[in-house]
N, C-alpha and C. Protein backbone atom coordinates (compact mmCIF):
# COMPACT_ATOMS: atom_id res chain seq x y z
N MET A 1 0.83 -1.20 0.00
CA MET A 1 0.00 0.00 0.00
C MET A 1 0.86 1.25 0.00
N SER A 2 0.39 2.28 -0.69
CA SER A 2 1.07 3.56 -0.66
C SER A 2 0.63 4.33 0.57
N ALA A 3 1.30 5.44 0.85
CA ALA A 3 1.00 6.23 2.04
C ALA A 3 -0.41 6.80 1.97
N ASP A 4 -1.05 6.90 3.14
CA ASP A 4 -2.36 7.55 3.28
C ASP A 4 -3.39 6.95 2.33
N GLN A 5 -3.49 5.65 2.33
CA GLN A 5 -4.40 4.97 1.43
C GLN A 5 -5.45 4.19 2.21
N VAL A 6 -6.62 4.04 1.60
CA VAL A 6 -7.69 3.22 2.17
C VAL A 6 -8.18 2.28 1.08
N ILE A 7 -8.16 0.97 1.35
CA ILE A 7 -8.67 0.01 0.39
C ILE A 7 -9.65 -0.93 1.10
N THR A 8 -10.51 -1.55 0.33
CA THR A 8 -11.46 -2.52 0.86
C THR A 8 -11.25 -3.85 0.15
N VAL A 9 -11.17 -4.91 0.91
CA VAL A 9 -11.03 -6.24 0.33
C VAL A 9 -12.19 -7.10 0.83
N ARG A 10 -12.53 -8.11 0.05
CA ARG A 10 -13.66 -8.97 0.38
C ARG A 10 -13.18 -10.39 0.64
N GLY A 11 -13.43 -10.85 1.85
CA GLY A 11 -13.12 -12.23 2.19
C GLY A 11 -11.71 -12.44 2.72
N ASP A 12 -11.56 -13.53 3.47
CA ASP A 12 -10.27 -13.86 4.07
C ASP A 12 -9.18 -14.08 3.04
N ALA A 13 -9.53 -14.78 1.94
CA ALA A 13 -8.53 -15.12 0.94
C ALA A 13 -7.93 -13.87 0.31
N GLU A 14 -8.80 -12.90 -0.02
CA GLU A 14 -8.29 -11.67 -0.63
C GLU A 14 -7.48 -10.86 0.38
N LEU A 15 -7.92 -10.87 1.64
CA LEU A 15 -7.14 -10.17 2.67
C LEU A 15 -5.76 -10.78 2.79
N ALA A 16 -5.68 -12.10 2.82
CA ALA A 16 -4.38 -12.77 2.93
C ALA A 16 -3.51 -12.47 1.71
N ALA A 17 -4.13 -12.44 0.53
CA ALA A 17 -3.36 -12.21 -0.70
C ALA A 17 -2.86 -10.78 -0.80
N ARG A 18 -3.70 -9.81 -0.43
CA ARG A 18 -3.36 -8.41 -0.65
C ARG A 18 -2.71 -7.75 0.56
N ALA A 19 -2.99 -8.27 1.76
CA ALA A 19 -2.46 -7.61 2.96
C ALA A 19 -1.71 -8.57 3.89
N GLY A 20 -1.53 -9.80 3.48
CA GLY A 20 -0.82 -10.75 4.33
C GLY A 20 0.58 -10.31 4.68
N HIS A 21 1.23 -9.62 3.74
CA HIS A 21 2.61 -9.15 4.00
C HIS A 21 2.65 -8.10 5.11
N LEU A 22 1.52 -7.42 5.34
CA LEU A 22 1.49 -6.43 6.40
C LEU A 22 1.57 -7.10 7.77
N PHE A 23 0.90 -8.26 7.90
CA PHE A 23 0.96 -9.02 9.15
C PHE A 23 2.37 -9.55 9.38
N THR A 24 2.90 -10.20 8.37
CA THR A 24 4.22 -10.82 8.52
C THR A 24 5.33 -9.77 8.62
N GLY A 25 5.01 -8.53 8.20
CA GLY A 25 6.01 -7.47 8.28
C GLY A 25 6.00 -6.72 9.59
N ALA A 26 5.10 -7.10 10.52
CA ALA A 26 5.05 -6.43 11.83
C ALA A 26 6.38 -6.58 12.55
N ARG A 27 6.89 -5.49 13.08
CA ARG A 27 8.20 -5.52 13.72
C ARG A 27 8.18 -5.03 15.17
N HIS A 28 7.25 -4.15 15.53
CA HIS A 28 7.31 -3.54 16.86
C HIS A 28 6.05 -3.77 17.70
N ASP A 29 4.87 -3.57 17.09
CA ASP A 29 3.65 -3.51 17.88
C ASP A 29 2.50 -4.11 17.08
N PHE A 30 1.85 -5.12 17.63
CA PHE A 30 0.69 -5.73 16.98
C PHE A 30 -0.44 -5.75 18.00
N VAL A 31 -1.51 -4.99 17.74
CA VAL A 31 -2.63 -4.96 18.68
C VAL A 31 -3.90 -5.38 17.96
N CYS A 32 -4.77 -6.04 18.70
CA CYS A 32 -6.02 -6.53 18.14
C CYS A 32 -7.13 -6.39 19.17
N ALA A 33 -8.26 -5.84 18.76
CA ALA A 33 -9.46 -5.77 19.60
C ALA A 33 -10.57 -6.50 18.86
N ALA A 34 -11.24 -7.43 19.55
CA ALA A 34 -12.28 -8.22 18.89
C ALA A 34 -13.28 -8.74 19.91
N ARG A 35 -14.50 -8.99 19.45
CA ARG A 35 -15.53 -9.53 20.34
C ARG A 35 -15.18 -10.95 20.76
N ASP A 36 -14.64 -11.74 19.82
CA ASP A 36 -14.29 -13.12 20.13
C ASP A 36 -13.21 -13.55 19.15
N LEU A 37 -12.90 -14.84 19.13
CA LEU A 37 -11.84 -15.35 18.26
C LEU A 37 -12.37 -15.85 16.92
N ASP A 38 -13.68 -15.83 16.74
CA ASP A 38 -14.29 -16.36 15.52
C ASP A 38 -14.44 -15.25 14.50
N THR A 39 -13.30 -14.73 14.02
CA THR A 39 -13.32 -13.58 13.12
C THR A 39 -12.92 -13.92 11.69
N TRP A 40 -12.48 -15.15 11.46
CA TRP A 40 -12.08 -15.57 10.12
C TRP A 40 -12.98 -16.72 9.69
N SER A 41 -13.59 -16.61 8.52
CA SER A 41 -14.42 -17.69 8.01
C SER A 41 -13.56 -18.82 7.44
N GLN A 42 -12.30 -18.50 7.10
CA GLN A 42 -11.37 -19.49 6.59
C GLN A 42 -10.16 -19.55 7.51
N PRO A 43 -10.21 -20.38 8.56
CA PRO A 43 -9.11 -20.44 9.54
C PRO A 43 -7.76 -20.75 8.91
N GLU A 44 -7.76 -21.49 7.79
CA GLU A 44 -6.48 -21.82 7.17
C GLU A 44 -5.75 -20.57 6.69
N ALA A 45 -6.50 -19.55 6.26
CA ALA A 45 -5.87 -18.30 5.84
C ALA A 45 -5.24 -17.60 7.04
N ARG A 46 -5.95 -17.61 8.16
CA ARG A 46 -5.40 -17.01 9.37
C ARG A 46 -4.14 -17.74 9.82
N LEU A 47 -4.19 -19.06 9.80
CA LEU A 47 -3.03 -19.84 10.23
C LEU A 47 -1.84 -19.60 9.31
N ARG A 48 -2.10 -19.43 8.02
CA ARG A 48 -1.02 -19.19 7.06
C ARG A 48 -0.33 -17.86 7.37
N ILE A 49 -1.14 -16.85 7.69
CA ILE A 49 -0.56 -15.55 8.03
C ILE A 49 0.15 -15.61 9.37
N ALA A 50 -0.50 -16.22 10.37
CA ALA A 50 0.09 -16.30 11.71
C ALA A 50 1.42 -17.04 11.68
N GLY A 51 1.52 -18.04 10.80
CA GLY A 51 2.77 -18.81 10.73
C GLY A 51 3.95 -17.99 10.28
N GLY A 52 3.70 -16.87 9.58
CA GLY A 52 4.80 -16.04 9.10
C GLY A 52 5.10 -14.84 9.98
N MET A 53 4.34 -14.67 11.05
CA MET A 53 4.55 -13.52 11.93
C MET A 53 5.66 -13.78 12.94
N ARG A 54 6.20 -12.71 13.48
CA ARG A 54 7.19 -12.82 14.53
C ARG A 54 6.54 -13.41 15.78
N ALA A 55 7.34 -14.10 16.57
CA ALA A 55 6.85 -14.68 17.82
C ALA A 55 6.53 -13.57 18.80
N PRO A 56 5.49 -13.74 19.63
CA PRO A 56 5.12 -12.69 20.60
C PRO A 56 6.24 -12.33 21.57
N ASP A 57 7.15 -13.27 21.82
CA ASP A 57 8.23 -12.99 22.76
C ASP A 57 9.52 -12.56 22.07
N ALA A 58 9.43 -12.22 20.76
CA ALA A 58 10.61 -11.74 20.05
C ALA A 58 11.08 -10.42 20.66
N PRO A 59 12.38 -10.19 20.76
CA PRO A 59 12.89 -8.94 21.35
C PRO A 59 12.33 -7.71 20.65
N GLY A 60 11.84 -6.76 21.43
CA GLY A 60 11.33 -5.51 20.88
C GLY A 60 9.98 -5.61 20.21
N PHE A 61 9.30 -6.75 20.34
CA PHE A 61 8.01 -6.95 19.69
C PHE A 61 6.94 -7.19 20.75
N THR A 62 5.82 -6.44 20.65
CA THR A 62 4.73 -6.56 21.62
C THR A 62 3.44 -6.94 20.92
N VAL A 63 2.79 -7.98 21.45
CA VAL A 63 1.49 -8.41 20.93
C VAL A 63 0.46 -8.23 22.02
N ARG A 64 -0.62 -7.49 21.72
CA ARG A 64 -1.69 -7.28 22.69
C ARG A 64 -3.03 -7.63 22.05
N LYS A 65 -3.83 -8.40 22.77
CA LYS A 65 -5.16 -8.79 22.30
C LYS A 65 -6.19 -8.37 23.35
N LEU A 66 -7.19 -7.62 22.92
CA LEU A 66 -8.27 -7.15 23.79
C LEU A 66 -9.55 -7.82 23.33
N LEU A 67 -10.19 -8.57 24.23
CA LEU A 67 -11.35 -9.37 23.85
C LEU A 67 -12.51 -9.13 24.81
N SER A 68 -13.70 -9.50 24.38
CA SER A 68 -14.87 -9.43 25.24
C SER A 68 -14.98 -10.73 26.04
N PRO A 69 -15.78 -10.75 27.12
CA PRO A 69 -15.93 -11.98 27.89
C PRO A 69 -16.46 -13.15 27.07
N ALA A 70 -17.16 -12.87 25.98
CA ALA A 70 -17.70 -13.95 25.15
C ALA A 70 -16.59 -14.83 24.59
N ALA A 71 -15.38 -14.28 24.47
CA ALA A 71 -14.26 -15.06 23.94
C ALA A 71 -13.87 -16.20 24.87
N LEU A 72 -14.32 -16.16 26.13
CA LEU A 72 -13.95 -17.19 27.10
C LEU A 72 -15.00 -18.29 27.22
N ALA A 73 -16.08 -18.18 26.45
CA ALA A 73 -17.17 -19.14 26.61
C ALA A 73 -16.82 -20.52 26.07
N ASP A 74 -15.91 -20.57 25.10
CA ASP A 74 -15.56 -21.83 24.45
C ASP A 74 -14.24 -22.35 24.99
N GLU A 75 -14.18 -23.63 25.32
CA GLU A 75 -12.96 -24.20 25.89
C GLU A 75 -11.80 -24.13 24.91
N GLY A 76 -12.09 -24.33 23.61
CA GLY A 76 -11.03 -24.24 22.61
C GLY A 76 -10.42 -22.85 22.58
N ALA A 77 -11.26 -21.82 22.69
CA ALA A 77 -10.76 -20.45 22.71
C ALA A 77 -9.94 -20.20 23.96
N ARG A 78 -10.40 -20.69 25.11
CA ARG A 78 -9.64 -20.51 26.35
C ARG A 78 -8.28 -21.19 26.25
N ARG A 79 -8.27 -22.37 25.67
CA ARG A 79 -7.00 -23.09 25.50
C ARG A 79 -6.04 -22.30 24.60
N HIS A 80 -6.58 -21.75 23.51
CA HIS A 80 -5.75 -20.95 22.59
C HIS A 80 -5.18 -19.73 23.30
N LEU A 81 -6.00 -19.06 24.10
CA LEU A 81 -5.54 -17.86 24.80
C LEU A 81 -4.48 -18.21 25.84
N ARG A 82 -4.62 -19.34 26.50
CA ARG A 82 -3.58 -19.77 27.44
C ARG A 82 -2.29 -20.03 26.70
N GLU A 83 -2.38 -20.59 25.50
CA GLU A 83 -1.18 -20.89 24.72
C GLU A 83 -0.47 -19.62 24.26
N VAL A 84 -1.25 -18.63 23.76
CA VAL A 84 -0.60 -17.42 23.26
C VAL A 84 -0.03 -16.58 24.40
N THR A 85 -0.68 -16.60 25.56
CA THR A 85 -0.11 -15.87 26.70
C THR A 85 1.17 -16.54 27.17
N ALA A 86 1.23 -17.86 27.10
CA ALA A 86 2.45 -18.58 27.48
C ALA A 86 3.59 -18.25 26.53
N LYS A 87 3.25 -17.89 25.29
CA LYS A 87 4.28 -17.56 24.30
C LYS A 87 4.69 -16.09 24.36
N GLY A 88 4.05 -15.30 25.24
CA GLY A 88 4.47 -13.92 25.42
C GLY A 88 3.46 -12.86 25.03
N ALA A 89 2.31 -13.24 24.48
CA ALA A 89 1.29 -12.25 24.12
C ALA A 89 0.60 -11.74 25.39
N HIS A 90 0.14 -10.50 25.34
CA HIS A 90 -0.60 -9.90 26.45
C HIS A 90 -2.09 -9.90 26.07
N VAL A 91 -2.90 -10.50 26.91
CA VAL A 91 -4.33 -10.61 26.63
C VAL A 91 -5.11 -10.02 27.79
N ARG A 92 -6.09 -9.17 27.45
CA ARG A 92 -6.97 -8.60 28.46
C ARG A 92 -8.42 -8.75 28.03
N ILE A 93 -9.30 -8.76 29.03
CA ILE A 93 -10.74 -8.90 28.79
C ILE A 93 -11.42 -7.59 29.17
N SER A 94 -12.21 -7.07 28.23
CA SER A 94 -12.87 -5.78 28.43
C SER A 94 -14.37 -5.97 28.60
N SER A 95 -14.95 -5.25 29.54
CA SER A 95 -16.40 -5.29 29.73
C SER A 95 -17.09 -4.30 28.79
N ALA A 96 -16.32 -3.42 28.15
CA ALA A 96 -16.89 -2.45 27.22
C ALA A 96 -17.18 -3.12 25.87
N PRO A 97 -18.17 -2.64 25.13
CA PRO A 97 -18.46 -3.21 23.80
C PRO A 97 -17.25 -3.06 22.89
N LEU A 98 -16.99 -4.10 22.09
CA LEU A 98 -15.85 -4.09 21.18
C LEU A 98 -16.33 -4.31 19.75
N PRO A 99 -15.56 -3.83 18.77
CA PRO A 99 -15.94 -4.05 17.36
C PRO A 99 -15.73 -5.51 16.98
N HIS A 100 -16.19 -5.87 15.78
CA HIS A 100 -16.00 -7.25 15.35
C HIS A 100 -14.51 -7.61 15.40
N GLU A 101 -13.69 -6.80 14.78
CA GLU A 101 -12.23 -6.97 14.92
C GLU A 101 -11.52 -5.73 14.37
N THR A 102 -10.54 -5.27 15.11
CA THR A 102 -9.68 -4.16 14.69
C THR A 102 -8.25 -4.56 14.94
N ILE A 103 -7.41 -4.43 13.94
CA ILE A 103 -5.99 -4.77 14.05
C ILE A 103 -5.16 -3.55 13.68
N ILE A 104 -4.16 -3.25 14.48
CA ILE A 104 -3.24 -2.15 14.18
C ILE A 104 -1.82 -2.71 14.23
N ILE A 105 -1.08 -2.49 13.17
CA ILE A 105 0.27 -3.05 13.03
C ILE A 105 1.29 -1.91 13.03
N ASP A 106 2.17 -1.93 14.02
CA ASP A 106 3.26 -0.94 14.14
C ASP A 106 2.75 0.50 14.10
N ARG A 107 1.47 0.69 14.44
CA ARG A 107 0.83 2.01 14.44
C ARG A 107 0.92 2.70 13.07
N ARG A 108 1.07 1.91 12.02
CA ARG A 108 1.15 2.49 10.67
C ARG A 108 0.15 1.88 9.71
N VAL A 109 -0.43 0.73 10.08
CA VAL A 109 -1.43 0.08 9.24
C VAL A 109 -2.58 -0.38 10.13
N MET A 110 -3.80 -0.18 9.67
CA MET A 110 -4.96 -0.62 10.45
C MET A 110 -5.89 -1.43 9.55
N ILE A 111 -6.43 -2.51 10.11
CA ILE A 111 -7.37 -3.38 9.40
C ILE A 111 -8.64 -3.47 10.22
N LEU A 112 -9.75 -3.11 9.62
CA LEU A 112 -11.05 -3.15 10.28
C LEU A 112 -11.91 -4.21 9.61
N ALA A 113 -12.43 -5.13 10.39
CA ALA A 113 -13.28 -6.18 9.85
C ALA A 113 -14.74 -5.84 10.09
N ALA A 114 -15.53 -5.92 9.04
CA ALA A 114 -16.98 -5.70 9.18
C ALA A 114 -17.61 -6.93 9.80
N GLY A 115 -18.82 -6.76 10.32
CA GLY A 115 -19.55 -7.91 10.86
C GLY A 115 -19.91 -8.88 9.74
N ASP A 116 -20.41 -10.05 10.14
CA ASP A 116 -20.73 -11.08 9.14
C ASP A 116 -22.23 -11.27 8.97
N ASP A 117 -23.00 -10.21 9.22
CA ASP A 117 -24.45 -10.34 9.14
C ASP A 117 -24.96 -10.33 7.70
N GLY A 118 -24.24 -9.67 6.81
CA GLY A 118 -24.70 -9.55 5.45
C GLY A 118 -24.34 -10.75 4.60
N PRO A 119 -24.92 -10.83 3.38
CA PRO A 119 -24.59 -11.94 2.48
C PRO A 119 -23.21 -11.77 1.88
N GLY A 120 -22.62 -12.88 1.45
CA GLY A 120 -21.33 -12.82 0.78
C GLY A 120 -20.17 -12.73 1.76
N PRO A 121 -18.94 -12.66 1.21
CA PRO A 121 -17.74 -12.61 2.04
C PRO A 121 -17.70 -11.34 2.90
N ARG A 122 -17.10 -11.46 4.06
CA ARG A 122 -16.94 -10.30 4.95
C ARG A 122 -15.98 -9.30 4.32
N GLU A 123 -16.22 -8.01 4.55
CA GLU A 123 -15.35 -6.97 4.03
C GLU A 123 -14.35 -6.52 5.09
N PHE A 124 -13.14 -6.21 4.63
CA PHE A 124 -12.09 -5.67 5.48
C PHE A 124 -11.63 -4.34 4.89
N THR A 125 -11.51 -3.34 5.74
CA THR A 125 -10.96 -2.05 5.33
C THR A 125 -9.53 -1.95 5.82
N VAL A 126 -8.62 -1.67 4.91
CA VAL A 126 -7.20 -1.57 5.24
C VAL A 126 -6.76 -0.13 4.97
N THR A 127 -6.14 0.51 5.94
CA THR A 127 -5.75 1.91 5.77
C THR A 127 -4.38 2.20 6.38
N THR A 128 -3.73 3.19 5.80
CA THR A 128 -2.47 3.70 6.34
C THR A 128 -2.58 5.18 6.69
N VAL A 129 -3.81 5.69 6.76
CA VAL A 129 -4.02 7.10 7.06
C VAL A 129 -3.67 7.36 8.54
N PRO A 130 -2.65 8.16 8.84
CA PRO A 130 -2.20 8.35 10.23
C PRO A 130 -3.29 8.85 11.17
N ALA A 131 -4.12 9.80 10.71
CA ALA A 131 -5.15 10.36 11.59
C ALA A 131 -6.16 9.30 12.00
N LEU A 132 -6.54 8.44 11.09
CA LEU A 132 -7.48 7.37 11.40
C LEU A 132 -6.86 6.37 12.38
N ILE A 133 -5.64 5.99 12.08
CA ILE A 133 -4.96 5.01 12.93
C ILE A 133 -4.74 5.58 14.32
N GLY A 134 -4.32 6.83 14.40
CA GLY A 134 -4.06 7.44 15.70
C GLY A 134 -5.31 7.52 16.55
N GLY A 135 -6.44 7.86 15.94
CA GLY A 135 -7.69 7.96 16.70
C GLY A 135 -8.15 6.62 17.24
N VAL A 136 -8.09 5.59 16.40
CA VAL A 136 -8.52 4.26 16.84
C VAL A 136 -7.55 3.69 17.86
N TYR A 137 -6.26 3.95 17.67
CA TYR A 137 -5.27 3.44 18.62
C TYR A 137 -5.50 4.06 20.00
N ALA A 138 -5.86 5.34 20.04
CA ALA A 138 -6.13 5.99 21.32
C ALA A 138 -7.34 5.35 22.01
N LEU A 139 -8.36 5.00 21.23
CA LEU A 139 -9.52 4.32 21.80
C LEU A 139 -9.14 2.93 22.32
N PHE A 140 -8.30 2.24 21.57
CA PHE A 140 -7.83 0.93 22.01
C PHE A 140 -7.07 1.06 23.33
N GLN A 141 -6.19 2.04 23.40
CA GLN A 141 -5.37 2.21 24.59
C GLN A 141 -6.24 2.51 25.82
N ALA A 142 -7.27 3.32 25.64
CA ALA A 142 -8.16 3.64 26.76
C ALA A 142 -8.89 2.40 27.24
N ALA A 143 -9.39 1.59 26.30
CA ALA A 143 -10.07 0.36 26.67
C ALA A 143 -9.11 -0.63 27.31
N TRP A 144 -7.88 -0.66 26.81
CA TRP A 144 -6.87 -1.58 27.36
C TRP A 144 -6.56 -1.25 28.81
N GLU A 145 -6.47 0.02 29.13
CA GLU A 145 -6.10 0.44 30.48
C GLU A 145 -7.16 0.03 31.51
N THR A 146 -8.41 -0.05 31.10
CA THR A 146 -9.48 -0.40 32.05
C THR A 146 -9.85 -1.88 32.00
N ALA A 147 -9.23 -2.64 31.11
CA ALA A 147 -9.54 -4.06 30.97
C ALA A 147 -8.79 -4.88 32.02
N THR A 148 -9.18 -6.15 32.15
CA THR A 148 -8.61 -7.04 33.16
C THR A 148 -7.72 -8.08 32.49
N ASP A 149 -6.58 -8.34 33.09
CA ASP A 149 -5.68 -9.36 32.57
C ASP A 149 -6.42 -10.69 32.41
N PHE A 150 -6.14 -11.38 31.31
CA PHE A 150 -6.84 -12.62 30.99
C PHE A 150 -6.78 -13.64 32.13
N THR A 151 -5.61 -13.87 32.66
CA THR A 151 -5.47 -14.88 33.71
C THR A 151 -6.26 -14.50 34.95
N ALA A 152 -6.16 -13.23 35.35
CA ALA A 152 -6.88 -12.77 36.54
C ALA A 152 -8.39 -12.82 36.31
N TYR A 153 -8.82 -12.45 35.11
CA TYR A 153 -10.25 -12.47 34.81
C TYR A 153 -10.77 -13.90 34.82
N PHE A 154 -10.04 -14.77 34.16
CA PHE A 154 -10.50 -16.16 34.06
C PHE A 154 -10.54 -16.83 35.43
N ASP A 155 -9.51 -16.59 36.23
CA ASP A 155 -9.45 -17.21 37.56
C ASP A 155 -10.47 -16.61 38.51
N GLY A 156 -10.70 -15.29 38.38
CA GLY A 156 -11.56 -14.63 39.36
C GLY A 156 -12.99 -14.43 38.95
N ALA A 157 -13.27 -14.41 37.64
CA ALA A 157 -14.61 -14.02 37.21
C ALA A 157 -15.32 -15.06 36.36
N MET A 158 -14.59 -16.00 35.80
CA MET A 158 -15.22 -16.97 34.93
C MET A 158 -15.72 -18.15 35.75
N PRO A 159 -17.03 -18.31 35.90
CA PRO A 159 -17.54 -19.40 36.72
C PRO A 159 -17.32 -20.75 36.03
N HIS A 160 -17.10 -21.76 36.83
CA HIS A 160 -16.94 -23.10 36.31
C HIS A 160 -18.25 -23.84 36.55
N LEU A 161 -19.09 -23.89 35.53
CA LEU A 161 -20.40 -24.51 35.66
C LEU A 161 -20.33 -25.96 35.21
N ASP A 162 -20.86 -26.86 36.05
CA ASP A 162 -20.92 -28.26 35.66
C ASP A 162 -22.14 -28.49 34.77
N ALA A 163 -22.36 -29.74 34.39
CA ALA A 163 -23.48 -30.05 33.49
C ALA A 163 -24.82 -29.68 34.11
N ASP A 164 -24.96 -29.87 35.43
CA ASP A 164 -26.21 -29.52 36.10
C ASP A 164 -26.46 -28.02 36.04
N GLY A 165 -25.39 -27.23 36.30
CA GLY A 165 -25.53 -25.78 36.27
C GLY A 165 -25.89 -25.28 34.88
N LEU A 166 -25.27 -25.84 33.84
CA LEU A 166 -25.58 -25.43 32.48
C LEU A 166 -27.01 -25.80 32.10
N ALA A 167 -27.47 -26.95 32.57
CA ALA A 167 -28.84 -27.36 32.28
C ALA A 167 -29.84 -26.40 32.90
N VAL A 168 -29.58 -25.99 34.14
CA VAL A 168 -30.45 -25.03 34.82
C VAL A 168 -30.41 -23.69 34.09
N LEU A 169 -29.21 -23.29 33.67
CA LEU A 169 -29.07 -22.02 32.95
C LEU A 169 -29.90 -22.03 31.67
N ARG A 170 -29.90 -23.14 30.97
CA ARG A 170 -30.71 -23.23 29.75
C ARG A 170 -32.20 -23.11 30.06
N GLU A 171 -32.62 -23.73 31.14
CA GLU A 171 -34.03 -23.63 31.50
C GLU A 171 -34.42 -22.20 31.87
N LEU A 172 -33.56 -21.53 32.61
CA LEU A 172 -33.84 -20.14 32.96
C LEU A 172 -33.89 -19.28 31.71
N GLY A 173 -32.95 -19.53 30.80
CA GLY A 173 -32.90 -18.75 29.57
C GLY A 173 -34.12 -18.96 28.70
N ALA A 174 -34.71 -20.17 28.79
CA ALA A 174 -35.90 -20.48 28.00
C ALA A 174 -37.17 -19.89 28.60
N GLY A 175 -37.07 -19.40 29.85
CA GLY A 175 -38.22 -18.77 30.48
C GLY A 175 -39.24 -19.73 31.06
N HIS A 176 -38.84 -20.98 31.28
CA HIS A 176 -39.77 -21.94 31.84
C HIS A 176 -40.02 -21.66 33.32
N THR A 177 -41.21 -22.01 33.78
CA THR A 177 -41.49 -21.90 35.21
C THR A 177 -40.65 -22.94 35.95
N ASP A 178 -40.51 -22.74 37.27
CA ASP A 178 -39.75 -23.70 38.06
C ASP A 178 -40.35 -25.10 37.94
N GLU A 179 -41.66 -25.16 37.99
CA GLU A 179 -42.33 -26.46 37.91
C GLU A 179 -42.05 -27.15 36.59
N ALA A 180 -42.18 -26.39 35.49
CA ALA A 180 -41.95 -26.98 34.16
C ALA A 180 -40.49 -27.38 33.99
N ALA A 181 -39.59 -26.50 34.45
CA ALA A 181 -38.17 -26.79 34.31
C ALA A 181 -37.78 -28.03 35.11
N ALA A 182 -38.31 -28.15 36.32
CA ALA A 182 -38.02 -29.31 37.15
C ALA A 182 -38.50 -30.59 36.46
N ARG A 183 -39.70 -30.55 35.87
CA ARG A 183 -40.20 -31.73 35.17
C ARG A 183 -39.32 -32.08 33.97
N ARG A 184 -38.89 -31.05 33.22
CA ARG A 184 -38.06 -31.29 32.04
C ARG A 184 -36.73 -31.93 32.42
N LEU A 185 -36.21 -31.57 33.57
CA LEU A 185 -34.92 -32.10 34.01
C LEU A 185 -35.05 -33.35 34.87
N GLY A 186 -36.27 -33.75 35.14
CA GLY A 186 -36.49 -34.94 35.95
C GLY A 186 -36.11 -34.74 37.41
N LEU A 187 -36.34 -33.54 37.92
CA LEU A 187 -35.96 -33.20 39.30
C LEU A 187 -37.19 -32.86 40.12
N SER A 188 -37.04 -32.94 41.42
CA SER A 188 -38.09 -32.42 42.29
C SER A 188 -38.00 -30.90 42.25
N LEU A 189 -39.10 -30.24 42.58
CA LEU A 189 -39.10 -28.78 42.58
C LEU A 189 -38.07 -28.25 43.57
N ARG A 190 -37.95 -28.91 44.72
CA ARG A 190 -37.00 -28.47 45.75
C ARG A 190 -35.56 -28.59 45.24
N THR A 191 -35.25 -29.70 44.57
CA THR A 191 -33.89 -29.88 44.05
C THR A 191 -33.59 -28.86 42.96
N TYR A 192 -34.56 -28.61 42.09
CA TYR A 192 -34.34 -27.64 41.02
C TYR A 192 -34.05 -26.26 41.61
N ARG A 193 -34.84 -25.84 42.58
CA ARG A 193 -34.62 -24.52 43.16
C ARG A 193 -33.29 -24.45 43.90
N ARG A 194 -32.87 -25.55 44.47
CA ARG A 194 -31.56 -25.57 45.12
C ARG A 194 -30.46 -25.37 44.08
N ARG A 195 -30.64 -25.98 42.91
CA ARG A 195 -29.64 -25.81 41.84
C ARG A 195 -29.67 -24.40 41.27
N VAL A 196 -30.85 -23.80 41.22
CA VAL A 196 -30.94 -22.40 40.78
C VAL A 196 -30.16 -21.51 41.74
N ALA A 197 -30.31 -21.76 43.04
CA ALA A 197 -29.59 -20.97 44.04
C ALA A 197 -28.08 -21.15 43.89
N ALA A 198 -27.64 -22.40 43.62
CA ALA A 198 -26.22 -22.67 43.44
C ALA A 198 -25.70 -21.97 42.18
N LEU A 199 -26.51 -21.95 41.13
CA LEU A 199 -26.12 -21.27 39.90
C LEU A 199 -25.97 -19.78 40.13
N MET A 200 -26.90 -19.17 40.84
CA MET A 200 -26.82 -17.74 41.13
C MET A 200 -25.59 -17.42 41.96
N ALA A 201 -25.24 -18.31 42.87
CA ALA A 201 -24.03 -18.09 43.67
C ALA A 201 -22.79 -18.17 42.79
N ALA A 202 -22.76 -19.13 41.86
CA ALA A 202 -21.61 -19.28 40.96
C ALA A 202 -21.43 -18.05 40.08
N LEU A 203 -22.57 -17.46 39.69
CA LEU A 203 -22.53 -16.27 38.83
C LEU A 203 -22.46 -14.98 39.63
N ASP A 204 -22.41 -15.09 40.94
CA ASP A 204 -22.36 -13.92 41.82
C ASP A 204 -23.52 -12.97 41.51
N ALA A 205 -24.71 -13.54 41.42
CA ALA A 205 -25.91 -12.77 41.07
C ALA A 205 -26.88 -12.75 42.24
N GLY A 206 -27.49 -11.60 42.47
CA GLY A 206 -28.43 -11.47 43.57
C GLY A 206 -29.86 -11.79 43.18
N SER A 207 -30.10 -11.98 41.88
CA SER A 207 -31.44 -12.32 41.41
C SER A 207 -31.31 -13.13 40.14
N ARG A 208 -32.41 -13.73 39.72
CA ARG A 208 -32.37 -14.51 38.48
C ARG A 208 -32.12 -13.60 37.28
N PHE A 209 -32.66 -12.40 37.34
CA PHE A 209 -32.42 -11.44 36.26
C PHE A 209 -30.93 -11.11 36.16
N GLN A 210 -30.29 -10.85 37.30
CA GLN A 210 -28.86 -10.58 37.29
C GLN A 210 -28.08 -11.79 36.81
N ALA A 211 -28.54 -12.99 37.15
CA ALA A 211 -27.87 -14.21 36.68
C ALA A 211 -27.90 -14.28 35.16
N GLY A 212 -29.03 -13.91 34.57
CA GLY A 212 -29.14 -13.91 33.12
C GLY A 212 -28.21 -12.90 32.48
N LEU A 213 -28.14 -11.70 33.08
CA LEU A 213 -27.24 -10.68 32.56
C LEU A 213 -25.79 -11.12 32.66
N ARG A 214 -25.46 -11.71 33.81
CA ARG A 214 -24.08 -12.17 34.03
C ARG A 214 -23.71 -13.28 33.05
N ALA A 215 -24.63 -14.20 32.82
CA ALA A 215 -24.37 -15.29 31.88
C ALA A 215 -24.18 -14.76 30.48
N ALA A 216 -25.00 -13.77 30.08
CA ALA A 216 -24.87 -13.17 28.75
C ALA A 216 -23.53 -12.44 28.63
N GLU A 217 -23.13 -11.74 29.65
CA GLU A 217 -21.86 -11.01 29.63
C GLU A 217 -20.69 -11.95 29.44
N LEU A 218 -20.77 -13.14 30.04
CA LEU A 218 -19.70 -14.12 29.96
C LEU A 218 -19.81 -15.01 28.72
N GLY A 219 -20.84 -14.79 27.91
CA GLY A 219 -20.98 -15.59 26.71
C GLY A 219 -21.47 -16.99 26.97
N LEU A 220 -22.11 -17.23 28.13
CA LEU A 220 -22.58 -18.56 28.48
C LEU A 220 -23.96 -18.87 27.94
């Protein structure tokens, strides 16, 4: 790309073909803000690019990933985040709303991914305009400063729900009465309500409504 340029590409394959060298050319600072890790429809393209990038623990190179709590809902995603943090990447969890995905490379190139609600391949906007990059980087930095370290968040805020707790959570989410939910799960009403109380305690919620909000925030 030439200086101060904005281009739009469609789909992972075109992004890898036209902007893959920007990822592999990162030398100092690689930051990413995203709602979750499911941002590429073609994971092989992401893996191809990631394989050519510098290691997170390379001297003078910093990798930072800012994610929403929904990124911790899947065990595979949690395992991946544990692996990248072990390799030297810095990961934080933000309670503030985040875009689908924003990547800034060496503060000179920015890639914005559109959502995937529309038909056809997802669009990516790639720009080298300093004013745009500087503004978004400042927003990223502000969100980063108020976010929680991944390990601390996971250990302190991510509840470990067993199969019984998840089953109760599904019943609450479906809006069933206690009586109906107990019948569906093959439980006595007393046992079901005891499990609801245990679920609320695990989610640190003072009411069923708060439990629902907390579960949604965590992507459960």
